[in-house]
């Protein structure tokens, strides 16, 4: 099991719209592709309270590549993204890391 840490740095004032897109669309589309989320967070105290942080779980890098590429190419996702960004982009930048647990990690 590997986990992917993704941090979306939302455009100023657009974090509510980004959260709405995940709530109303993205998670349902992910279900079709078997993409598993392991939690979502916003920043209460930290560098930027305009960030959305989440983890995805993958069986392997090959699993991630197959499922993520299928999701990105999905016509429904492309339509949702275009519609939700008709007033401008929701995300300024994305930070992304693929993580593996250490032998002493409580989370495997």
PDB file of N, CA and C in Angstrom:
ATOM      1  N   UNK A   1       0.853  -1.180   0.000  1.00  0.00           N
ATOM      2  CA  UNK A   1       0.000   0.000   0.000  1.00  0.00           C
ATOM      3  C   UNK A   1       0.893   1.235   0.000  1.00  0.00           C
ATOM      4  N   UNK A   2       0.602   2.143  -0.890  1.00  0.00           N
ATOM      5  CA  UNK A   2       1.265   3.447  -0.887  1.00  0.00           C
ATOM      6  C   UNK A   2       0.187   4.508  -0.739  1.00  0.00           C
ATOM      7  N   UNK A   3       0.593   5.649  -0.272  1.00  0.00           N
ATOM      8  CA  UNK A   3      -0.340   6.766  -0.130  1.00  0.00           C
ATOM      9  C   UNK A   3       0.204   7.959  -0.908  1.00  0.00           C
ATOM     10  N   UNK A   4      -0.716   8.701  -1.427  1.00  0.00           N
ATOM     11  CA  UNK A   4      -0.368   9.912  -2.167  1.00  0.00           C
ATOM     12  C   UNK A   4      -0.886  11.099  -1.378  1.00  0.00           C
ATOM     13  N   UNK A   5       0.019  12.007  -1.053  1.00  0.00           N
ATOM     14  CA  UNK A   5      -0.326  13.252  -0.377  1.00  0.00           C
ATOM     15  C   UNK A   5      -0.475  14.327  -1.437  1.00  0.00           C
ATOM     16  N   UNK A   6      -1.651  14.931  -1.486  1.00  0.00           N
ATOM     17  CA  UNK A   6      -1.903  15.996  -2.453  1.00  0.00           C
ATOM     18  C   UNK A   6      -2.357  17.238  -1.693  1.00  0.00           C
ATOM     19  N   UNK A   7      -1.750  18.362  -1.997  1.00  0.00           N
ATOM     20  CA  UNK A   7      -2.136  19.635  -1.397  1.00  0.00           C
ATOM     21  C   UNK A   7      -2.498  20.583  -2.530  1.00  0.00           C
ATOM     22  N   UNK A   8      -3.740  21.003  -2.521  1.00  0.00           N
ATOM     23  CA  UNK A   8      -4.219  21.959  -3.519  1.00  0.00           C
ATOM     24  C   UNK A   8      -4.195  23.348  -2.891  1.00  0.00           C
ATOM     25  N   UNK A   9      -3.434  24.217  -3.490  1.00  0.00           N
ATOM     26  CA  UNK A   9      -3.341  25.603  -3.048  1.00  0.00           C
ATOM     27  C   UNK A   9      -4.391  26.367  -3.858  1.00  0.00           C
ATOM     28  N   UNK A  10      -5.528  26.607  -3.223  1.00  0.00           N
ATOM     29  CA  UNK A  10      -6.671  27.198  -3.927  1.00  0.00           C
ATOM     30  C   UNK A  10      -6.405  28.666  -4.269  1.00  0.00           C
ATOM     31  N   UNK A  11      -7.029  29.087  -5.344  1.00  0.00           N
ATOM     32  CA  UNK A  11      -7.003  30.505  -5.703  1.00  0.00           C
ATOM     33  C   UNK A  11      -7.705  31.277  -4.586  1.00  0.00           C
ATOM     34  N   UNK A  12      -7.306  32.521  -4.340  1.00  0.00           N
ATOM     35  CA  UNK A  12      -7.951  33.302  -3.277  1.00  0.00           C
ATOM     36  C   UNK A  12      -9.478  33.313  -3.436  1.00  0.00           C
ATOM     37  N   UNK A  13     -10.164  32.975  -2.353  1.00  0.00           N
ATOM     38  CA  UNK A  13     -11.625  32.979  -2.342  1.00  0.00           C
ATOM     39  C   UNK A  13     -12.283  31.773  -2.992  1.00  0.00           C
ATOM     40  N   UNK A  14     -11.504  30.822  -3.541  1.00  0.00           N
ATOM     41  CA  UNK A  14     -12.091  29.708  -4.289  1.00  0.00           C
ATOM     42  C   UNK A  14     -12.113  28.381  -3.530  1.00  0.00           C
ATOM     43  N   UNK A  15     -11.611  28.347  -2.289  1.00  0.00           N
ATOM     44  CA  UNK A  15     -11.621  27.096  -1.534  1.00  0.00           C
ATOM     45  C   UNK A  15     -13.035  26.541  -1.348  1.00  0.00           C
ATOM     46  N   UNK A  16     -14.045  27.356  -1.053  1.00  0.00           N
ATOM     47  CA  UNK A  16     -15.395  26.797  -0.961  1.00  0.00           C
ATOM     48  C   UNK A  16     -15.854  26.133  -2.268  1.00  0.00           C
ATOM     49  N   UNK A  17     -15.496  26.707  -3.395  1.00  0.00           N
ATOM     50  CA  UNK A  17     -15.864  26.122  -4.689  1.00  0.00           C
ATOM     51  C   UNK A  17     -15.126  24.809  -4.927  1.00  0.00           C
ATOM     52  N   UNK A  18     -13.862  24.751  -4.511  1.00  0.00           N
ATOM     53  CA  UNK A  18     -13.080  23.522  -4.640  1.00  0.00           C
ATOM     54  C   UNK A  18     -13.682  22.421  -3.762  1.00  0.00           C
ATOM     55  N   UNK A  19     -14.029  22.760  -2.529  1.00  0.00           N
ATOM     56  CA  UNK A  19     -14.673  21.783  -1.648  1.00  0.00           C
ATOM     57  C   UNK A  19     -15.997  21.302  -2.229  1.00  0.00           C
ATOM     58  N   UNK A  20     -16.759  22.197  -2.806  1.00  0.00           N
ATOM     59  CA  UNK A  20     -18.048  21.824  -3.412  1.00  0.00           C
ATOM     60  C   UNK A  20     -17.836  20.874  -4.588  1.00  0.00           C
ATOM     61  N   UNK A  21     -16.795  21.101  -5.387  1.00  0.00           N
ATOM     62  CA  UNK A  21     -16.538  20.216  -6.526  1.00  0.00           C
ATOM     63  C   UNK A  21     -16.220  18.800  -6.050  1.00  0.00           C
ATOM     64  N   UNK A  22     -15.408  18.686  -5.006  1.00  0.00           N
ATOM     65  CA  UNK A  22     -15.130  17.351  -4.462  1.00  0.00           C
ATOM     66  C   UNK A  22     -16.409  16.715  -3.919  1.00  0.00           C
ATOM     67  N   UNK A  23     -17.159  17.473  -3.135  1.00  0.00           N
ATOM     68  CA  UNK A  23     -18.376  16.951  -2.502  1.00  0.00           C
ATOM     69  C   UNK A  23     -19.414  16.516  -3.523  1.00  0.00           C
ATOM     70  N   UNK A  24     -19.645  17.327  -4.520  1.00  0.00           N
ATOM     71  CA  UNK A  24     -20.752  17.112  -5.452  1.00  0.00           C
ATOM     72  C   UNK A  24     -20.392  16.299  -6.692  1.00  0.00           C
ATOM     73  N   UNK A  25     -19.112  16.192  -7.013  1.00  0.00           N
ATOM     74  CA  UNK A  25     -18.753  15.558  -8.282  1.00  0.00           C
ATOM     75  C   UNK A  25     -17.577  14.591  -8.198  1.00  0.00           C
ATOM     76  N   UNK A  26     -16.413  15.115  -7.772  1.00  0.00           N
ATOM     77  CA  UNK A  26     -15.162  14.368  -7.898  1.00  0.00           C
ATOM     78  C   UNK A  26     -15.210  13.017  -7.193  1.00  0.00           C
ATOM     79  N   UNK A  27     -15.690  12.990  -5.943  1.00  0.00           N
ATOM     80  CA  UNK A  27     -15.689  11.729  -5.194  1.00  0.00           C
ATOM     81  C   UNK A  27     -16.564  10.673  -5.862  1.00  0.00           C
ATOM     82  N   UNK A  28     -17.661  11.090  -6.458  1.00  0.00           N
ATOM     83  CA  UNK A  28     -18.530  10.139  -7.167  1.00  0.00           C
ATOM     84  C   UNK A  28     -17.835   9.575  -8.404  1.00  0.00           C
ATOM     85  N   UNK A  29     -17.105  10.416  -9.099  1.00  0.00           N
ATOM     86  CA  UNK A  29     -16.371   9.952 -10.279  1.00  0.00           C
ATOM     87  C   UNK A  29     -15.250   9.009  -9.845  1.00  0.00           C
ATOM     88  N   UNK A  30     -14.546   9.360  -8.767  1.00  0.00           N
ATOM     89  CA  UNK A  30     -13.487   8.492  -8.272  1.00  0.00           C
ATOM     90  C   UNK A  30     -14.014   7.100  -7.953  1.00  0.00           C
ATOM     91  N   UNK A  31     -15.217   7.021  -7.391  1.00  0.00           N
ATOM     92  CA  UNK A  31     -15.803   5.716  -7.055  1.00  0.00           C
ATOM     93  C   UNK A  31     -15.866   4.808  -8.277  1.00  0.00           C
ATOM     94  N   UNK A  32     -16.215   5.368  -9.432  1.00  0.00           N
ATOM     95  CA  UNK A  32     -16.291   4.576 -10.660  1.00  0.00           C
ATOM     96  C   UNK A  32     -14.950   3.962 -11.039  1.00  0.00           C
ATOM     97  N   UNK A  33     -13.863   4.657 -10.696  1.00  0.00           N
ATOM     98  CA  UNK A  33     -12.525   4.201 -11.069  1.00  0.00           C
ATOM     99  C   UNK A  33     -11.829   3.449  -9.935  1.00  0.00           C
ATOM    100  N   UNK A  34     -12.476   3.314  -8.796  1.00  0.00           N
ATOM    101  CA  UNK A  34     -11.864   2.618  -7.666  1.00  0.00           C
ATOM    102  C   UNK A  34     -10.775   3.421  -6.978  1.00  0.00           C
ATOM    103  N   UNK A  35     -10.838   4.748  -7.100  1.00  0.00           N
ATOM    104  CA  UNK A  35      -9.869   5.613  -6.428  1.00  0.00           C
ATOM    105  C   UNK A  35     -10.329   5.792  -4.981  1.00  0.00           C
ATOM    106  N   UNK A  36      -9.441   5.440  -4.041  1.00  0.00           N
ATOM    107  CA  UNK A  36      -9.788   5.455  -2.615  1.00  0.00           C
ATOM    108  C   UNK A  36      -9.137   6.643  -1.921  1.00  0.00           C
ATOM    109  N   UNK A  37      -9.964   7.462  -1.279  1.00  0.00           N
ATOM    110  CA  UNK A  37      -9.426   8.561  -0.488  1.00  0.00           C
ATOM    111  C   UNK A  37      -9.290   8.110   0.957  1.00  0.00           C
ATOM    112  N   UNK A  38      -8.266   8.677   1.644  1.00  0.00           N
ATOM    113  CA  UNK A  38      -8.004   8.316   3.038  1.00  0.00           C
ATOM    114  C   UNK A  38      -8.156   9.523   3.953  1.00  0.00           C
ATOM    115  N   UNK A  39      -8.795  10.577   3.467  1.00  0.00           N
ATOM    116  CA  UNK A  39      -9.058  11.740   4.309  1.00  0.00           C
ATOM    117  C   UNK A  39      -8.767  13.045   3.600  1.00  0.00           C
ATOM    118  N   UNK A  40      -9.539  14.043   3.989  1.00  0.00           N
ATOM    119  CA  UNK A  40      -9.396  15.404   3.473  1.00  0.00           C
ATOM    120  C   UNK A  40      -9.312  16.369   4.653  1.00  0.00           C
ATOM    121  N   UNK A  41      -8.496  17.405   4.509  1.00  0.00           N
ATOM    122  CA  UNK A  41      -8.350  18.400   5.564  1.00  0.00           C
ATOM    123  C   UNK A  41      -8.203  19.787   4.956  1.00  0.00           C
ATOM    124  N   UNK A  42      -8.671  20.778   5.707  1.00  0.00           N
ATOM    125  CA  UNK A  42      -8.330  22.165   5.427  1.00  0.00           C
ATOM    126  C   UNK A  42      -7.454  22.626   6.588  1.00  0.00           C
ATOM    127  N   UNK A  43      -6.742  23.714   6.393  1.00  0.00           N
ATOM    128  CA  UNK A  43      -5.777  24.187   7.379  1.00  0.00           C
ATOM    129  C   UNK A  43      -6.433  25.143   8.353  1.00  0.00           C
ATOM    130  N   UNK A  44      -6.422  24.774   9.634  1.00  0.00           N
ATOM    131  CA  UNK A  44      -6.929  25.645  10.691  1.00  0.00           C
ATOM    132  C   UNK A  44      -5.846  26.619  11.139  1.00  0.00           C
ATOM    133  N   UNK A  45      -4.636  26.077  11.368  1.00  0.00           N
ATOM    134  CA  UNK A  45      -3.483  26.878  11.751  1.00  0.00           C
ATOM    135  C   UNK A  45      -2.309  26.402  10.917  1.00  0.00           C
ATOM    136  N   UNK A  46      -1.625  27.299  10.274  1.00  0.00           N
ATOM    137  CA  UNK A  46      -0.486  26.925   9.441  1.00  0.00           C
ATOM    138  C   UNK A  46      -0.152  28.005   8.447  1.00  0.00           C
ATOM    139  N   UNK A  47       0.676  27.643   7.487  1.00  0.00           N
ATOM    140  CA  UNK A  47       1.148  28.618   6.511  1.00  0.00           C
ATOM    141  C   UNK A  47       0.041  29.222   5.661  1.00  0.00           C
ATOM    142  N   UNK A  48      -0.918  28.381   5.252  1.00  0.00           N
ATOM    143  CA  UNK A  48      -1.921  28.870   4.300  1.00  0.00           C
ATOM    144  C   UNK A  48      -3.268  28.218   4.604  1.00  0.00           C
ATOM    145  N   UNK A  49      -4.245  29.009   4.994  1.00  0.00           N
ATOM    146  CA  UNK A  49      -5.575  28.447   5.273  1.00  0.00           C
ATOM    147  C   UNK A  49      -6.429  28.380   4.011  1.00  0.00           C
ATOM    148  N   UNK A  50      -5.787  28.519   2.865  1.00  0.00           N
ATOM    149  CA  UNK A  50      -6.478  28.403   1.585  1.00  0.00           C
ATOM    150  C   UNK A  50      -6.082  27.095   0.882  1.00  0.00           C
ATOM    151  N   UNK A  51      -5.602  26.131   1.691  1.00  0.00           N
ATOM    152  CA  UNK A  51      -5.152  24.843   1.157  1.00  0.00           C
ATOM    153  C   UNK A  51      -6.173  23.755   1.448  1.00  0.00           C
ATOM    154  N   UNK A  52      -6.271  22.809   0.534  1.00  0.00           N
ATOM    155  CA  UNK A  52      -7.017  21.575   0.734  1.00  0.00           C
ATOM    156  C   UNK A  52      -5.992  20.445   0.645  1.00  0.00           C
ATOM    157  N   UNK A  53      -5.880  19.665   1.716  1.00  0.00           N
ATOM    158  CA  UNK A  53      -4.909  18.580   1.802  1.00  0.00           C
ATOM    159  C   UNK A  53      -5.663  17.260   1.858  1.00  0.00           C
ATOM    160  N   UNK A  54      -5.201  16.279   1.065  1.00  0.00           N
ATOM    161  CA  UNK A  54      -5.844  14.968   1.143  1.00  0.00           C
ATOM    162  C   UNK A  54      -4.870  13.852   0.800  1.00  0.00           C
ATOM    163  N   UNK A  55      -5.267  12.637   1.210  1.00  0.00           N
ATOM    164  CA  UNK A  55      -4.510  11.433   0.920  1.00  0.00           C
ATOM    165  C   UNK A  55      -5.333  10.505   0.048  1.00  0.00           C
ATOM    166  N   UNK A  56      -4.654   9.847  -0.898  1.00  0.00           N
ATOM    167  CA  UNK A  56      -5.231   8.764  -1.680  1.00  0.00           C
ATOM    168  C   UNK A  56      -4.458   7.499  -1.369  1.00  0.00           C
ATOM    169  N   UNK A  57      -5.126   6.355  -1.442  1.00  0.00           N
ATOM    170  CA  UNK A  57      -4.492   5.061  -1.204  1.00  0.00           C
ATOM    171  C   UNK A  57      -4.429   4.276  -2.499  1.00  0.00           C
ATOM    172  N   UNK A  58      -3.267   3.688  -2.763  1.00  0.00           N
ATOM    173  CA  UNK A  58      -3.046   2.906  -3.971  1.00  0.00           C
ATOM    174  C   UNK A  58      -2.412   1.576  -3.599  1.00  0.00           C
ATOM    175  N   UNK A  59      -2.695   0.555  -4.373  1.00  0.00           N
ATOM    176  CA  UNK A  59      -2.058  -0.746  -4.175  1.00  0.00           C
ATOM    177  C   UNK A  59      -0.610  -0.724  -4.642  1.00  0.00           C
ATOM    178  N   UNK A  60      -0.326   0.089  -5.664  1.00  0.00           N
ATOM    179  CA  UNK A  60       1.023   0.157  -6.240  1.00  0.00           C
ATOM    180  C   UNK A  60       1.096   1.400  -7.131  1.00  0.00           C
ATOM    181  N   UNK A  61       2.286   1.718  -7.609  1.00  0.00           N
ATOM    182  CA  UNK A  61       2.421   2.819  -8.565  1.00  0.00           C
ATOM    183  C   UNK A  61       1.686   2.514  -9.862  1.00  0.00           C
ATOM    184  N   UNK A  62       1.703   1.243 -10.276  1.00  0.00           N
ATOM    185  CA  UNK A  62       0.982   0.857 -11.497  1.00  0.00           C
ATOM    186  C   UNK A  62      -0.521   1.044 -11.314  1.00  0.00           C
ATOM    187  N   UNK A  63      -1.042   0.703 -10.138  1.00  0.00           N
ATOM    188  CA  UNK A  63      -2.457   0.915  -9.815  1.00  0.00           C
ATOM    189  C   UNK A  63      -2.793   2.397  -9.909  1.00  0.00           C
ATOM    190  N   UNK A  64      -1.941   3.234  -9.345  1.00  0.00           N
ATOM    191  CA  UNK A  64      -2.155   4.681  -9.392  1.00  0.00           C
ATOM    192  C   UNK A  64      -2.157   5.191 -10.830  1.00  0.00           C
ATOM    193  N   UNK A  65      -1.165   4.783 -11.585  1.00  0.00           N
ATOM    194  CA  UNK A  65      -1.050   5.256 -12.963  1.00  0.00           C
ATOM    195  C   UNK A  65      -2.287   4.889 -13.782  1.00  0.00           C
ATOM    196  N   UNK A  66      -2.730   3.655 -13.670  1.00  0.00           N
ATOM    197  CA  UNK A  66      -3.879   3.197 -14.450  1.00  0.00           C
ATOM    198  C   UNK A  66      -5.143   3.950 -14.060  1.00  0.00           C
ATOM    199  N   UNK A  67      -5.432   4.014 -12.766  1.00  0.00           N
ATOM    200  CA  UNK A  67      -6.684   4.637 -12.303  1.00  0.00           C
ATOM    201  C   UNK A  67      -6.668   6.147 -12.471  1.00  0.00           C
ATOM    202  N   UNK A  68      -5.550   6.798 -12.139  1.00  0.00           N
ATOM    203  CA  UNK A  68      -5.499   8.260 -12.230  1.00  0.00           C
ATOM    204  C   UNK A  68      -5.582   8.708 -13.687  1.00  0.00           C
ATOM    205  N   UNK A  69      -4.875   8.017 -14.573  1.00  0.00           N
ATOM    206  CA  UNK A  69      -4.921   8.386 -15.988  1.00  0.00           C
ATOM    207  C   UNK A  69      -6.326   8.204 -16.566  1.00  0.00           C
ATOM    208  N   UNK A  70      -7.016   7.151 -16.148  1.00  0.00           N
ATOM    209  CA  UNK A  70      -8.393   6.940 -16.606  1.00  0.00           C
ATOM    210  C   UNK A  70      -9.296   8.045 -16.094  1.00  0.00           C
ATOM    211  N   UNK A  71      -9.113   8.441 -14.843  1.00  0.00           N
ATOM    212  CA  UNK A  71      -9.918   9.528 -14.268  1.00  0.00           C
ATOM    213  C   UNK A  71      -9.685  10.833 -15.023  1.00  0.00           C
ATOM    214  N   UNK A  72      -8.439  11.204 -15.224  1.00  0.00           N
ATOM    215  CA  UNK A  72      -8.111  12.470 -15.889  1.00  0.00           C
ATOM    216  C   UNK A  72      -8.674  12.512 -17.311  1.00  0.00           C
ATOM    217  N   UNK A  73      -8.729  11.372 -17.978  1.00  0.00           N
ATOM    218  CA  UNK A  73      -9.240  11.308 -19.355  1.00  0.00           C
ATOM    219  C   UNK A  73     -10.759  11.193 -19.425  1.00  0.00           C
ATOM    220  N   UNK A  74     -11.416  11.006 -18.292  1.00  0.00           N
ATOM    221  CA  UNK A  74     -12.860  10.782 -18.253  1.00  0.00           C
ATOM    222  C   UNK A  74     -13.636  12.009 -18.742  1.00  0.00           C
ATOM    223  N   UNK A  75     -14.572  11.789 -19.647  1.00  0.00           N
ATOM    224  CA  UNK A  75     -15.361  12.888 -20.236  1.00  0.00           C
ATOM    225  C   UNK A  75     -16.213  13.600 -19.182  1.00  0.00           C
ATOM    226  N   UNK A  76     -16.807  12.841 -18.246  1.00  0.00           N
ATOM    227  CA  UNK A  76     -17.609  13.486 -17.201  1.00  0.00           C
ATOM    228  C   UNK A  76     -16.736  14.400 -16.345  1.00  0.00           C
ATOM    229  N   UNK A  77     -15.542  13.925 -15.944  1.00  0.00           N
ATOM    230  CA  UNK A  77     -14.638  14.749 -15.146  1.00  0.00           C
ATOM    231  C   UNK A  77     -14.229  16.005 -15.917  1.00  0.00           C
ATOM    232  N   UNK A  78     -13.910  15.855 -17.181  1.00  0.00           N
ATOM    233  CA  UNK A  78     -13.502  17.010 -17.981  1.00  0.00           C
ATOM    234  C   UNK A  78     -14.623  18.044 -18.070  1.00  0.00           C
ATOM    235  N   UNK A  79     -15.868  17.575 -18.203  1.00  0.00           N
ATOM    236  CA  UNK A  79     -17.015  18.492 -18.259  1.00  0.00           C
ATOM    237  C   UNK A  79     -17.227  19.190 -16.919  1.00  0.00           C
ATOM    238  N   UNK A  80     -17.113  18.437 -15.826  1.00  0.00           N
ATOM    239  CA  UNK A  80     -17.262  19.015 -14.482  1.00  0.00           C
ATOM    240  C   UNK A  80     -16.180  20.056 -14.239  1.00  0.00           C
ATOM    241  N   UNK A  81     -14.957  19.711 -14.585  1.00  0.00           N
ATOM    242  CA  UNK A  81     -13.862  20.661 -14.369  1.00  0.00           C
ATOM    243  C   UNK A  81     -14.085  21.943 -15.167  1.00  0.00           C
ATOM    244  N   UNK A  82     -14.473  21.810 -16.421  1.00  0.00           N
ATOM    245  CA  UNK A  82     -14.724  22.992 -17.254  1.00  0.00           C
ATOM    246  C   UNK A  82     -15.856  23.841 -16.675  1.00  0.00           C
ATOM    247  N   UNK A  83     -16.932  23.196 -16.260  1.00  0.00           N
ATOM    248  CA  UNK A  83     -18.076  23.933 -15.710  1.00  0.00           C
ATOM    249  C   UNK A  83     -17.711  24.639 -14.404  1.00  0.00           C
ATOM    250  N   UNK A  84     -16.980  23.967 -13.521  1.00  0.00           N
ATOM    251  CA  UNK A  84     -16.650  24.564 -12.224  1.00  0.00           C
ATOM    252  C   UNK A  84     -15.546  25.608 -12.327  1.00  0.00           C
ATOM    253  N   UNK A  85     -14.878  25.662 -13.470  1.00  0.00           N
ATOM    254  CA  UNK A  85     -13.831  26.660 -13.661  1.00  0.00           C
ATOM    255  C   UNK A  85     -14.216  27.713 -14.699  1.00  0.00           C
ATOM    256  N   UNK A  86     -15.504  27.813 -15.009  1.00  0.00           N
ATOM    257  CA  UNK A  86     -15.932  28.786 -16.018  1.00  0.00           C
ATOM    258  C   UNK A  86     -15.670  30.221 -15.568  1.00  0.00           C
ATOM    259  N   UNK A  87     -15.579  30.448 -14.243  1.00  0.00           N
ATOM    260  CA  UNK A  87     -15.268  31.782 -13.717  1.00  0.00           C
ATOM    261  C   UNK A  87     -13.804  31.911 -13.314  1.00  0.00           C
ATOM    262  N   UNK A  88     -12.982  30.995 -13.792  1.00  0.00           N
ATOM    263  CA  UNK A  88     -11.557  31.009 -13.488  1.00  0.00           C
ATOM    264  C   UNK A  88     -11.146  29.760 -12.736  1.00  0.00           C
ATOM    265  N   UNK A  89      -9.845  29.496 -12.695  1.00  0.00           N
ATOM    266  CA  UNK A  89      -9.350  28.285 -12.047  1.00  0.00           C
ATOM    267  C   UNK A  89      -9.624  28.275 -10.546  1.00  0.00           C
ATOM    268  N   UNK A  90      -9.812  27.079 -10.003  1.00  0.00           N
ATOM    269  CA  UNK A  90     -10.007  26.912  -8.564  1.00  0.00           C
ATOM    270  C   UNK A  90      -8.676  26.735  -7.839  1.00  0.00           C
ATOM    271  N   UNK A  91      -7.677  26.197  -8.537  1.00  0.00           N
ATOM    272  CA  UNK A  91      -6.408  25.829  -7.913  1.00  0.00           C
ATOM    273  C   UNK A  91      -5.266  26.615  -8.545  1.00  0.00           C
ATOM    274  N   UNK A  92      -4.454  27.235  -7.674  1.00  0.00           N
ATOM    275  CA  UNK A  92      -3.282  27.970  -8.150  1.00  0.00           C
ATOM    276  C   UNK A  92      -2.125  27.024  -8.431  1.00  0.00           C
ATOM    277  N   UNK A  93      -1.938  26.029  -7.546  1.00  0.00           N
ATOM    278  CA  UNK A  93      -0.873  25.050  -7.732  1.00  0.00           C
ATOM    279  C   UNK A  93      -1.180  23.813  -6.887  1.00  0.00           C
ATOM    280  N   UNK A  94      -0.474  22.724  -7.204  1.00  0.00           N
ATOM    281  CA  UNK A  94      -0.656  21.458  -6.509  1.00  0.00           C
ATOM    282  C   UNK A  94       0.705  20.949  -6.056  1.00  0.00           C
ATOM    283  N   UNK A  95       0.772  20.525  -4.792  1.00  0.00           N
ATOM    284  CA  UNK A  95       1.944  19.806  -4.285  1.00  0.00           C
ATOM    285  C   UNK A  95       1.556  18.339  -4.195  1.00  0.00           C
ATOM    286  N   UNK A  96       2.466  17.456  -4.590  1.00  0.00           N
ATOM    287  CA  UNK A  96       2.122  16.042  -4.696  1.00  0.00           C
ATOM    288  C   UNK A  96       3.317  15.195  -4.268  1.00  0.00           C
ATOM    289  N   UNK A  97       3.064  14.216  -3.391  1.00  0.00           N
ATOM    290  CA  UNK A  97       4.111  13.285  -2.965  1.00  0.00           C
ATOM    291  C   UNK A  97       3.536  11.882  -2.888  1.00  0.00           C
ATOM    292  N   UNK A  98       4.327  10.889  -3.280  1.00  0.00           N
ATOM    293  CA  UNK A  98       3.962   9.483  -3.124  1.00  0.00           C
ATOM    294  C   UNK A  98       4.748   8.982  -1.909  1.00  0.00           C
ATOM    295  N   UNK A  99       4.040   8.425  -0.930  1.00  0.00           N
ATOM    296  CA  UNK A  99       4.649   8.047   0.342  1.00  0.00           C
ATOM    297  C   UNK A  99       4.515   6.552   0.590  1.00  0.00           C
ATOM    298  N   UNK A 100       5.529   5.977   1.220  1.00  0.00           N
ATOM    299  CA  UNK A 100       5.477   4.588   1.673  1.00  0.00           C
ATOM    300  C   UNK A 100       5.724   4.603   3.178  1.00  0.00           C
ATOM    301  N   UNK A 101       5.072   3.712   3.917  1.00  0.00           N
ATOM    302  CA  UNK A 101       5.247   3.714   5.370  1.00  0.00           C
ATOM    303  C   UNK A 101       6.619   3.182   5.784  1.00  0.00           C
ATOM    304  N   UNK A 102       7.111   3.708   6.873  1.00  0.00           N
ATOM    305  CA  UNK A 102       8.325   3.172   7.473  1.00  0.00           C
ATOM    306  C   UNK A 102       7.998   1.912   8.246  1.00  0.00           C
ATOM    307  N   UNK A 103       8.969   1.102   8.594  1.00  0.00           N
ATOM    308  CA  UNK A 103       8.692  -0.113   9.367  1.00  0.00           C
ATOM    309  C   UNK A 103       8.056   0.171  10.725  1.00  0.00           C
ATOM    310  N   UNK A 104       8.252   1.346  11.273  1.00  0.00           N
ATOM    311  CA  UNK A 104       7.728   1.684  12.596  1.00  0.00           C
ATOM    312  C   UNK A 104       6.456   2.538  12.551  1.00  0.00           C
ATOM    313  N   UNK A 105       5.906   2.720  11.361  1.00  0.00           N
ATOM    314  CA  UNK A 105       4.707   3.525  11.205  1.00  0.00           C
ATOM    315  C   UNK A 105       3.471   2.809  11.770  1.00  0.00           C
ATOM    316  N   UNK A 106       2.645   3.558  12.493  1.00  0.00           N
ATOM    317  CA  UNK A 106       1.381   2.997  12.990  1.00  0.00           C
ATOM    318  C   UNK A 106       0.396   2.807  11.847  1.00  0.00           C
ATOM    319  N   UNK A 107       0.561   3.568  10.767  1.00  0.00           N
ATOM    320  CA  UNK A 107      -0.301   3.458   9.595  1.00  0.00           C
ATOM    321  C   UNK A 107       0.445   2.654   8.539  1.00  0.00           C
ATOM    322  N   UNK A 108      -0.168   1.600   8.054  1.00  0.00           N
ATOM    323  CA  UNK A 108       0.488   0.736   7.057  1.00  0.00           C
ATOM    324  C   UNK A 108      -0.171   0.905   5.735  1.00  0.00           C
TER     325      UNK A 108
END
